[in-house]
All heavy atoms as atom14 arrays in JSON, in Angstrom:
{
  "sequence": "TGKTCNQDLNECGLNPRPCEHRCMNTYGSYKCYCLDGYMLMPDGS",
  "atom14_mask": [
    [1, 1, 1, 1, 1, 1, 1, 0, 0, 0, 0, 0, 0, 0],
    [1, 1, 1, 1, 0, 0, 0, 0, 0, 0, 0, 0, 0, 0],
    [1, 1, 1, 1, 1, 1, 1, 1, 1, 0, 0, 0, 0, 0],
    [1, 1, 1, 1, 1, 1, 1, 0, 0, 0, 0, 0, 0, 0],
    [1, 1, 1, 1, 1, 1, 0, 0, 0, 0, 0, 0, 0, 0],
    [1, 1, 1, 1, 1, 1, 1, 1, 0, 0, 0, 0, 0, 0],
    [1, 1, 1, 1, 1, 1, 1, 1, 1, 0, 0, 0, 0, 0],
    [1, 1, 1, 1, 1, 1, 1, 1, 0, 0, 0, 0, 0, 0],
    [1, 1, 1, 1, 1, 1, 1, 1, 0, 0, 0, 0, 0, 0],
    [1, 1, 1, 1, 1, 1, 1, 1, 0, 0, 0, 0, 0, 0],
    [1, 1, 1, 1, 1, 1, 1, 1, 1, 0, 0, 0, 0, 0],
    [1, 1, 1, 1, 1, 1, 0, 0, 0, 0, 0, 0, 0, 0],
    [1, 1, 1, 1, 0, 0, 0, 0, 0, 0, 0, 0, 0, 0],
    [1, 1, 1, 1, 1, 1, 1, 1, 0, 0, 0, 0, 0, 0],
    [1, 1, 1, 1, 1, 1, 1, 1, 0, 0, 0, 0, 0, 0],
    [1, 1, 1, 1, 1, 1, 1, 0, 0, 0, 0, 0, 0, 0],
    [1, 1, 1, 1, 1, 1, 1, 1, 1, 1, 1, 0, 0, 0],
    [1, 1, 1, 1, 1, 1, 1, 0, 0, 0, 0, 0, 0, 0],
    [1, 1, 1, 1, 1, 1, 0, 0, 0, 0, 0, 0, 0, 0],
    [1, 1, 1, 1, 1, 1, 1, 1, 1, 0, 0, 0, 0, 0],
    [1, 1, 1, 1, 1, 1, 1, 1, 1, 1, 0, 0, 0, 0],
    [1, 1, 1, 1, 1, 1, 1, 1, 1, 1, 1, 0, 0, 0],
    [1, 1, 1, 1, 1, 1, 0, 0, 0, 0, 0, 0, 0, 0],
    [1, 1, 1, 1, 1, 1, 1, 1, 0, 0, 0, 0, 0, 0],
    [1, 1, 1, 1, 1, 1, 1, 1, 0, 0, 0, 0, 0, 0],
    [1, 1, 1, 1, 1, 1, 1, 0, 0, 0, 0, 0, 0, 0],
    [1, 1, 1, 1, 1, 1, 1, 1, 1, 1, 1, 1, 0, 0],
    [1, 1, 1, 1, 0, 0, 0, 0, 0, 0, 0, 0, 0, 0],
    [1, 1, 1, 1, 1, 1, 0, 0, 0, 0, 0, 0, 0, 0],
    [1, 1, 1, 1, 1, 1, 1, 1, 1, 1, 1, 1, 0, 0],
    [1, 1, 1, 1, 1, 1, 1, 1, 1, 0, 0, 0, 0, 0],
    [1, 1, 1, 1, 1, 1, 0, 0, 0, 0, 0, 0, 0, 0],
    [1, 1, 1, 1, 1, 1, 1, 1, 1, 1, 1, 1, 0, 0],
    [1, 1, 1, 1, 1, 1, 0, 0, 0, 0, 0, 0, 0, 0],
    [1, 1, 1, 1, 1, 1, 1, 1, 0, 0, 0, 0, 0, 0],
    [1, 1, 1, 1, 1, 1, 1, 1, 0, 0, 0, 0, 0, 0],
    [1, 1, 1, 1, 0, 0, 0, 0, 0, 0, 0, 0, 0, 0],
    [1, 1, 1, 1, 1, 1, 1, 1, 1, 1, 1, 1, 0, 0],
    [1, 1, 1, 1, 1, 1, 1, 1, 0, 0, 0, 0, 0, 0],
    [1, 1, 1, 1, 1, 1, 1, 1, 0, 0, 0, 0, 0, 0],
    [1, 1, 1, 1, 1, 1, 1, 1, 0, 0, 0, 0, 0, 0],
    [1, 1, 1, 1, 1, 1, 1, 0, 0, 0, 0, 0, 0, 0],
    [1, 1, 1, 1, 1, 1, 1, 1, 0, 0, 0, 0, 0, 0],
    [1, 1, 1, 1, 0, 0, 0, 0, 0, 0, 0, 0, 0, 0],
    [1, 1, 1, 1, 1, 1, 0, 0, 0, 0, 0, 0, 0, 0]
  ],
  "atom14_positions": [
    [[78.48, 29.6, 41.42], [79.27, 28.55, 40.79], [80.64, 29.12, 40.39], [80.92, 30.29, 40.57], [78.52, 27.96, 39.57], [79.27, 26.87, 39.04], [78.32, 28.99, 38.46], [0.0, 0.0, 0.0], [0.0, 0.0, 0.0], [0.0, 0.0, 0.0], [0.0, 0.0, 0.0], [0.0, 0.0, 0.0], [0.0, 0.0, 0.0], [0.0, 0.0, 0.0]],
    [[81.48, 28.27, 39.82], [82.81, 28.68, 39.35], [83.89, 28.25, 40.32], [83.63, 27.89, 41.47], [0.0, 0.0, 0.0], [0.0, 0.0, 0.0], [0.0, 0.0, 0.0], [0.0, 0.0, 0.0], [0.0, 0.0, 0.0], [0.0, 0.0, 0.0], [0.0, 0.0, 0.0], [0.0, 0.0, 0.0], [0.0, 0.0, 0.0], [0.0, 0.0, 0.0]],
    [[85.15, 28.27, 39.86], [86.3, 27.82, 40.65], [86.44, 28.61, 41.95], [86.79, 28.08, 42.99], [87.57, 27.96, 39.8], [88.76, 27.16, 40.33], [89.89, 27.17, 39.33], [91.21, 26.76, 39.92], [91.29, 25.39, 40.38], [0.0, 0.0, 0.0], [0.0, 0.0, 0.0], [0.0, 0.0, 0.0], [0.0, 0.0, 0.0], [0.0, 0.0, 0.0]],
    [[86.12, 29.93, 41.88], [86.22, 30.77, 43.08], [84.84, 31.19, 43.59], [84.72, 32.11, 44.38], [87.08, 32.03, 42.79], [86.44, 32.78, 41.74], [88.49, 31.67, 42.38], [0.0, 0.0, 0.0], [0.0, 0.0, 0.0], [0.0, 0.0, 0.0], [0.0, 0.0, 0.0], [0.0, 0.0, 0.0], [0.0, 0.0, 0.0], [0.0, 0.0, 0.0]],
    [[83.79, 30.52, 43.1], [82.39, 30.81, 43.49], [82.04, 32.29, 43.28], [81.34, 32.89, 44.08], [82.14, 30.45, 44.95], [82.47, 28.73, 45.34], [0.0, 0.0, 0.0], [0.0, 0.0, 0.0], [0.0, 0.0, 0.0], [0.0, 0.0, 0.0], [0.0, 0.0, 0.0], [0.0, 0.0, 0.0], [0.0, 0.0, 0.0], [0.0, 0.0, 0.0]],
    [[82.55, 32.85, 42.18], [82.3, 34.28, 41.93], [81.27, 34.49, 40.82], [80.98, 35.62, 40.45], [83.61, 35.0, 41.58], [84.22, 34.49, 40.29], [83.91, 33.39, 39.84], [85.09, 35.28, 39.69], [0.0, 0.0, 0.0], [0.0, 0.0, 0.0], [0.0, 0.0, 0.0], [0.0, 0.0, 0.0], [0.0, 0.0, 0.0], [0.0, 0.0, 0.0]],
    [[80.73, 33.39, 40.27], [79.76, 33.52, 39.18], [78.37, 33.15, 39.66], [78.21, 32.21, 40.44], [80.15, 32.61, 38.02], [81.45, 32.97, 37.33], [82.0, 31.8, 36.54], [81.29, 30.88, 36.18], [83.3, 31.82, 36.29], [0.0, 0.0, 0.0], [0.0, 0.0, 0.0], [0.0, 0.0, 0.0], [0.0, 0.0, 0.0], [0.0, 0.0, 0.0]],
    [[77.39, 33.88, 39.16], [75.99, 33.58, 39.47], [75.58, 32.31, 38.74], [75.89, 32.13, 37.57], [75.12, 34.76, 39.01], [73.64, 34.42, 39.06], [73.17, 34.04, 40.13], [72.96, 34.53, 38.02], [0.0, 0.0, 0.0], [0.0, 0.0, 0.0], [0.0, 0.0, 0.0], [0.0, 0.0, 0.0], [0.0, 0.0, 0.0], [0.0, 0.0, 0.0]],
    [[74.91, 31.4, 39.44], [74.41, 30.17, 38.83], [73.03, 30.47, 38.25], [72.16, 30.98, 38.94], [74.29, 29.06, 39.89], [73.64, 27.74, 39.44], [74.54, 26.99, 38.48], [73.32, 26.87, 40.65], [0.0, 0.0, 0.0], [0.0, 0.0, 0.0], [0.0, 0.0, 0.0], [0.0, 0.0, 0.0], [0.0, 0.0, 0.0], [0.0, 0.0, 0.0]],
    [[72.85, 30.2, 36.95], [71.55, 30.43, 36.32], [70.67, 29.21, 36.57], [70.69, 28.25, 35.83], [71.73, 30.68, 34.82], [70.41, 30.95, 34.13], [69.36, 31.0, 34.76], [70.45, 31.12, 32.82], [0.0, 0.0, 0.0], [0.0, 0.0, 0.0], [0.0, 0.0, 0.0], [0.0, 0.0, 0.0], [0.0, 0.0, 0.0], [0.0, 0.0, 0.0]],
    [[69.9, 29.28, 37.68], [69.05, 28.15, 38.06], [67.99, 27.86, 37.0], [67.51, 26.73, 36.89], [68.34, 28.42, 39.4], [69.25, 28.48, 40.6], [69.82, 29.86, 40.88], [69.66, 30.77, 40.02], [70.4, 30.04, 41.94], [0.0, 0.0, 0.0], [0.0, 0.0, 0.0], [0.0, 0.0, 0.0], [0.0, 0.0, 0.0], [0.0, 0.0, 0.0]],
    [[67.62, 28.88, 36.21], [66.58, 28.71, 35.19], [67.04, 27.75, 34.09], [66.23, 27.18, 33.38], [66.2, 30.06, 34.6], [65.5, 31.18, 35.84], [0.0, 0.0, 0.0], [0.0, 0.0, 0.0], [0.0, 0.0, 0.0], [0.0, 0.0, 0.0], [0.0, 0.0, 0.0], [0.0, 0.0, 0.0], [0.0, 0.0, 0.0], [0.0, 0.0, 0.0]],
    [[68.35, 27.6, 33.93], [68.89, 26.71, 32.9], [69.11, 25.29, 33.39], [69.55, 24.43, 32.63], [0.0, 0.0, 0.0], [0.0, 0.0, 0.0], [0.0, 0.0, 0.0], [0.0, 0.0, 0.0], [0.0, 0.0, 0.0], [0.0, 0.0, 0.0], [0.0, 0.0, 0.0], [0.0, 0.0, 0.0], [0.0, 0.0, 0.0], [0.0, 0.0, 0.0]],
    [[68.81, 25.03, 34.67], [69.03, 23.69, 35.23], [67.97, 22.7, 34.74], [66.88, 23.08, 34.34], [68.98, 23.73, 36.77], [70.08, 24.52, 37.49], [69.81, 24.55, 38.98], [71.46, 23.91, 37.24], [0.0, 0.0, 0.0], [0.0, 0.0, 0.0], [0.0, 0.0, 0.0], [0.0, 0.0, 0.0], [0.0, 0.0, 0.0], [0.0, 0.0, 0.0]],
    [[68.32, 21.42, 34.78], [67.4, 20.35, 34.45], [67.22, 19.44, 35.65], [68.23, 18.96, 36.16], [67.94, 19.55, 33.25], [66.96, 19.58, 32.09], [65.78, 19.82, 32.27], [67.48, 19.33, 30.9], [0.0, 0.0, 0.0], [0.0, 0.0, 0.0], [0.0, 0.0, 0.0], [0.0, 0.0, 0.0], [0.0, 0.0, 0.0], [0.0, 0.0, 0.0]],
    [[66.06, 19.16, 36.19], [64.78, 19.72, 35.74], [64.66, 21.21, 36.1], [65.29, 21.66, 37.05], [63.76, 18.88, 36.52], [64.5, 18.45, 37.75], [65.93, 18.29, 37.35], [0.0, 0.0, 0.0], [0.0, 0.0, 0.0], [0.0, 0.0, 0.0], [0.0, 0.0, 0.0], [0.0, 0.0, 0.0], [0.0, 0.0, 0.0], [0.0, 0.0, 0.0]],
    [[63.85, 21.93, 35.33], [63.68, 23.36, 35.57], [63.0, 23.58, 36.92], [62.09, 22.84, 37.29], [62.85, 24.0, 34.45], [63.64, 24.03, 33.14], [62.89, 24.78, 32.05], [62.83, 26.2, 32.37], [61.71, 26.92, 32.29], [60.59, 26.37, 31.94], [61.74, 28.19, 32.58], [0.0, 0.0, 0.0], [0.0, 0.0, 0.0], [0.0, 0.0, 0.0]],
    [[63.44, 24.61, 37.67], [62.87, 24.81, 39.02], [61.46, 25.4, 39.02], [60.78, 25.36, 40.03], [63.86, 25.78, 39.67], [64.49, 26.52, 38.55], [64.5, 25.58, 37.37], [0.0, 0.0, 0.0], [0.0, 0.0, 0.0], [0.0, 0.0, 0.0], [0.0, 0.0, 0.0], [0.0, 0.0, 0.0], [0.0, 0.0, 0.0], [0.0, 0.0, 0.0]],
    [[61.04, 25.94, 37.89], [59.71, 26.58, 37.82], [58.84, 25.87, 36.78], [59.34, 25.41, 35.76], [59.83, 28.05, 37.44], [60.88, 29.0, 38.55], [0.0, 0.0, 0.0], [0.0, 0.0, 0.0], [0.0, 0.0, 0.0], [0.0, 0.0, 0.0], [0.0, 0.0, 0.0], [0.0, 0.0, 0.0], [0.0, 0.0, 0.0], [0.0, 0.0, 0.0]],
    [[57.53, 25.86, 37.06], [56.61, 25.2, 36.13], [56.44, 26.01, 34.84], [56.45, 25.46, 33.75], [55.27, 24.99, 36.82], [54.35, 24.06, 36.05], [53.02, 23.83, 36.74], [52.89, 24.13, 37.95], [52.09, 23.36, 36.07], [0.0, 0.0, 0.0], [0.0, 0.0, 0.0], [0.0, 0.0, 0.0], [0.0, 0.0, 0.0], [0.0, 0.0, 0.0]],
    [[56.27, 27.33, 34.96], [56.04, 28.16, 33.79], [57.26, 29.03, 33.48], [58.11, 28.66, 32.72], [54.8, 29.05, 33.98], [53.52, 28.31, 33.87], [52.3, 28.93, 33.91], [53.24, 26.99, 33.71], [51.33, 28.03, 33.8], [51.88, 26.83, 33.67], [0.0, 0.0, 0.0], [0.0, 0.0, 0.0], [0.0, 0.0, 0.0], [0.0, 0.0, 0.0]],
    [[57.31, 30.2, 34.11], [58.37, 31.17, 33.84], [59.38, 31.21, 34.97], [59.02, 31.13, 36.13], [57.8, 32.58, 33.68], [57.21, 32.86, 32.34], [56.76, 34.31, 32.34], [56.19, 34.7, 31.07], [55.48, 35.8, 30.9], [55.25, 36.59, 31.93], [55.0, 36.12, 29.73], [0.0, 0.0, 0.0], [0.0, 0.0, 0.0], [0.0, 0.0, 0.0]],
    [[60.64, 31.38, 34.59], [61.71, 31.47, 35.59], [62.51, 32.72, 35.33], [62.84, 33.03, 34.18], [62.6, 30.23, 35.45], [63.97, 30.18, 36.62], [0.0, 0.0, 0.0], [0.0, 0.0, 0.0], [0.0, 0.0, 0.0], [0.0, 0.0, 0.0], [0.0, 0.0, 0.0], [0.0, 0.0, 0.0], [0.0, 0.0, 0.0], [0.0, 0.0, 0.0]],
    [[62.81, 33.48, 36.36], [63.64, 34.68, 36.21], [64.87, 34.52, 37.1], [64.75, 34.37, 38.31], [62.87, 35.94, 36.62], [63.67, 37.2, 36.39], [62.77, 38.66, 36.92], [63.81, 39.95, 36.3], [0.0, 0.0, 0.0], [0.0, 0.0, 0.0], [0.0, 0.0, 0.0], [0.0, 0.0, 0.0], [0.0, 0.0, 0.0], [0.0, 0.0, 0.0]],
    [[66.03, 34.51, 36.45], [67.28, 34.38, 37.2], [67.59, 35.7, 37.9], [67.43, 36.76, 37.33], [68.42, 34.0, 36.26], [69.7, 33.7, 37.01], [69.7, 32.94, 37.97], [70.79, 34.3, 36.58], [0.0, 0.0, 0.0], [0.0, 0.0, 0.0], [0.0, 0.0, 0.0], [0.0, 0.0, 0.0], [0.0, 0.0, 0.0], [0.0, 0.0, 0.0]],
    [[68.01, 35.63, 39.16], [68.45, 36.82, 39.89], [69.84, 36.53, 40.42], [70.29, 35.38, 40.4], [67.5, 37.14, 41.08], [67.52, 36.04, 41.98], [66.09, 37.42, 40.62], [0.0, 0.0, 0.0], [0.0, 0.0, 0.0], [0.0, 0.0, 0.0], [0.0, 0.0, 0.0], [0.0, 0.0, 0.0], [0.0, 0.0, 0.0], [0.0, 0.0, 0.0]],
    [[70.55, 37.53, 40.9], [71.92, 37.34, 41.37], [71.91, 36.46, 42.62], [71.41, 36.85, 43.65], [72.58, 38.69, 41.64], [74.08, 38.6, 41.78], [74.86, 38.23, 40.69], [74.72, 38.86, 42.98], [76.23, 38.13, 40.8], [76.1, 38.76, 43.1], [76.85, 38.39, 42.0], [78.22, 38.28, 42.1], [0.0, 0.0, 0.0], [0.0, 0.0, 0.0]],
    [[72.41, 35.23, 42.48], [72.48, 34.31, 43.61], [71.2, 33.55, 43.89], [71.13, 32.77, 44.82], [0.0, 0.0, 0.0], [0.0, 0.0, 0.0], [0.0, 0.0, 0.0], [0.0, 0.0, 0.0], [0.0, 0.0, 0.0], [0.0, 0.0, 0.0], [0.0, 0.0, 0.0], [0.0, 0.0, 0.0], [0.0, 0.0, 0.0], [0.0, 0.0, 0.0]],
    [[70.17, 33.78, 43.07], [68.89, 33.1, 43.31], [68.05, 33.09, 42.03], [68.57, 33.28, 40.93], [68.14, 33.8, 44.44], [67.03, 33.01, 44.83], [0.0, 0.0, 0.0], [0.0, 0.0, 0.0], [0.0, 0.0, 0.0], [0.0, 0.0, 0.0], [0.0, 0.0, 0.0], [0.0, 0.0, 0.0], [0.0, 0.0, 0.0], [0.0, 0.0, 0.0]],
    [[66.74, 32.87, 42.17], [65.81, 32.89, 41.04], [64.4, 33.08, 41.58], [64.16, 32.93, 42.77], [65.9, 31.6, 40.23], [65.38, 30.38, 40.96], [64.07, 29.93, 40.76], [66.18, 29.68, 41.86], [63.58, 28.82, 41.45], [65.69, 28.58, 42.55], [64.4, 28.15, 42.34], [63.92, 27.06, 43.03], [0.0, 0.0, 0.0], [0.0, 0.0, 0.0]],
    [[63.47, 33.42, 40.67], [62.07, 33.56, 41.07], [61.2, 32.88, 40.03], [61.52, 32.89, 38.85], [61.69, 35.04, 41.17], [62.39, 35.74, 42.31], [61.51, 36.78, 42.94], [62.17, 37.26, 44.23], [61.44, 38.3, 44.9], [0.0, 0.0, 0.0], [0.0, 0.0, 0.0], [0.0, 0.0, 0.0], [0.0, 0.0, 0.0], [0.0, 0.0, 0.0]],
    [[60.11, 32.29, 40.49], [59.15, 31.62, 39.59], [57.97, 32.54, 39.32], [57.5, 33.25, 40.21], [58.65, 30.33, 40.21], [59.92, 29.06, 40.39], [0.0, 0.0, 0.0], [0.0, 0.0, 0.0], [0.0, 0.0, 0.0], [0.0, 0.0, 0.0], [0.0, 0.0, 0.0], [0.0, 0.0, 0.0], [0.0, 0.0, 0.0], [0.0, 0.0, 0.0]],
    [[57.47, 32.49, 38.06], [56.29, 33.25, 37.66], [55.4, 32.37, 36.81], [55.87, 31.42, 36.2], [56.68, 34.53, 36.89], [57.17, 35.49, 37.88], [58.48, 35.46, 38.27], [56.29, 36.28, 38.59], [58.93, 36.22, 39.31], [56.74, 37.05, 39.63], [58.04, 37.02, 39.98], [58.47, 37.76, 41.02], [0.0, 0.0, 0.0], [0.0, 0.0, 0.0]],
    [[54.13, 32.69, 36.8], [53.17, 31.9, 36.02], [52.72, 32.68, 34.8], [52.74, 33.91, 34.78], [51.97, 31.57, 36.89], [52.41, 30.53, 38.29], [0.0, 0.0, 0.0], [0.0, 0.0, 0.0], [0.0, 0.0, 0.0], [0.0, 0.0, 0.0], [0.0, 0.0, 0.0], [0.0, 0.0, 0.0], [0.0, 0.0, 0.0], [0.0, 0.0, 0.0]],
    [[52.3, 31.93, 33.78], [51.72, 32.54, 32.59], [50.41, 33.21, 32.98], [49.81, 32.87, 34.01], [51.47, 31.49, 31.51], [52.72, 30.84, 30.91], [52.36, 29.6, 30.11], [53.48, 31.83, 30.04], [0.0, 0.0, 0.0], [0.0, 0.0, 0.0], [0.0, 0.0, 0.0], [0.0, 0.0, 0.0], [0.0, 0.0, 0.0], [0.0, 0.0, 0.0]],
    [[49.98, 34.14, 32.15], [48.76, 34.85, 32.46], [47.59, 33.87, 32.55], [47.5, 32.93, 31.76], [48.49, 35.91, 31.38], [47.6, 37.0, 31.9], [47.69, 37.29, 33.1], [46.8, 37.52, 31.13], [0.0, 0.0, 0.0], [0.0, 0.0, 0.0], [0.0, 0.0, 0.0], [0.0, 0.0, 0.0], [0.0, 0.0, 0.0], [0.0, 0.0, 0.0]],
    [[46.76, 34.08, 33.52], [45.63, 33.19, 33.73], [45.92, 32.1, 34.76], [45.08, 31.26, 35.05], [0.0, 0.0, 0.0], [0.0, 0.0, 0.0], [0.0, 0.0, 0.0], [0.0, 0.0, 0.0], [0.0, 0.0, 0.0], [0.0, 0.0, 0.0], [0.0, 0.0, 0.0], [0.0, 0.0, 0.0], [0.0, 0.0, 0.0], [0.0, 0.0, 0.0]],
    [[47.13, 32.12, 35.3], [47.53, 31.16, 36.32], [48.04, 31.89, 37.55], [48.5, 33.02, 37.46], [48.63, 30.23, 35.8], [48.15, 29.26, 34.75], [48.08, 29.66, 33.43], [47.76, 27.98, 35.09], [47.63, 28.77, 32.45], [47.32, 27.08, 34.14], [47.25, 27.48, 32.81], [46.81, 26.61, 31.86], [0.0, 0.0, 0.0], [0.0, 0.0, 0.0]],
    [[47.96, 31.22, 38.69], [48.42, 31.8, 39.94], [49.58, 31.0, 40.5], [49.59, 29.77, 40.41], [47.3, 31.72, 40.97], [46.57, 33.01, 41.19], [45.18, 32.68, 42.26], [46.01, 32.31, 43.76], [0.0, 0.0, 0.0], [0.0, 0.0, 0.0], [0.0, 0.0, 0.0], [0.0, 0.0, 0.0], [0.0, 0.0, 0.0], [0.0, 0.0, 0.0]],
    [[50.56, 31.69, 41.08], [51.7, 31.01, 41.7], [51.26, 30.45, 43.05], [50.78, 31.17, 43.9], [52.86, 31.99, 41.87], [54.18, 31.39, 42.37], [54.78, 30.45, 41.35], [55.18, 32.5, 42.69], [0.0, 0.0, 0.0], [0.0, 0.0, 0.0], [0.0, 0.0, 0.0], [0.0, 0.0, 0.0], [0.0, 0.0, 0.0], [0.0, 0.0, 0.0]],
    [[51.49, 29.16, 43.22], [51.16, 28.5, 44.49], [52.39, 28.48, 45.39], [53.52, 28.64, 44.91], [50.68, 27.06, 44.23], [49.49, 27.0, 43.26], [48.13, 28.1, 43.67], [47.35, 27.18, 44.99], [0.0, 0.0, 0.0], [0.0, 0.0, 0.0], [0.0, 0.0, 0.0], [0.0, 0.0, 0.0], [0.0, 0.0, 0.0], [0.0, 0.0, 0.0]],
    [[52.2, 28.3, 46.72], [53.35, 28.33, 47.64], [54.48, 27.35, 47.29], [55.64, 27.61, 47.56], [52.72, 27.96, 48.99], [51.28, 28.34, 48.86], [50.93, 28.11, 47.42], [0.0, 0.0, 0.0], [0.0, 0.0, 0.0], [0.0, 0.0, 0.0], [0.0, 0.0, 0.0], [0.0, 0.0, 0.0], [0.0, 0.0, 0.0], [0.0, 0.0, 0.0]],
    [[54.15, 26.22, 46.62], [55.18, 25.24, 46.27], [55.89, 25.56, 44.96], [56.71, 24.78, 44.48], [54.59, 23.82, 46.23], [53.58, 23.64, 45.1], [53.2, 24.64, 44.45], [53.17, 22.49, 44.86], [0.0, 0.0, 0.0], [0.0, 0.0, 0.0], [0.0, 0.0, 0.0], [0.0, 0.0, 0.0], [0.0, 0.0, 0.0], [0.0, 0.0, 0.0]],
    [[55.54, 26.69, 44.34], [56.2, 27.1, 43.09], [55.47, 26.63, 41.84], [55.85, 26.97, 40.74], [0.0, 0.0, 0.0], [0.0, 0.0, 0.0], [0.0, 0.0, 0.0], [0.0, 0.0, 0.0], [0.0, 0.0, 0.0], [0.0, 0.0, 0.0], [0.0, 0.0, 0.0], [0.0, 0.0, 0.0], [0.0, 0.0, 0.0], [0.0, 0.0, 0.0]],
    [[54.39, 25.83, 42.01], [53.62, 25.38, 40.85], [52.61, 26.45, 40.45], [52.41, 27.43, 41.18], [52.92, 24.06, 41.16], [51.95, 24.26, 42.18], [0.0, 0.0, 0.0], [0.0, 0.0, 0.0], [0.0, 0.0, 0.0], [0.0, 0.0, 0.0], [0.0, 0.0, 0.0], [0.0, 0.0, 0.0], [0.0, 0.0, 0.0], [0.0, 0.0, 0.0]]
  ]
}
């Protein structure tokens, strides 16, 4: 994001949130994680 596209977009702060449980922002992307006792499914749930 940004005027010159030089800033990382924090997808975890978007609405609706991209992950059901935990979201970890990475440079240019993000990853979904589940709370303990849950498994990450291919669709991110």
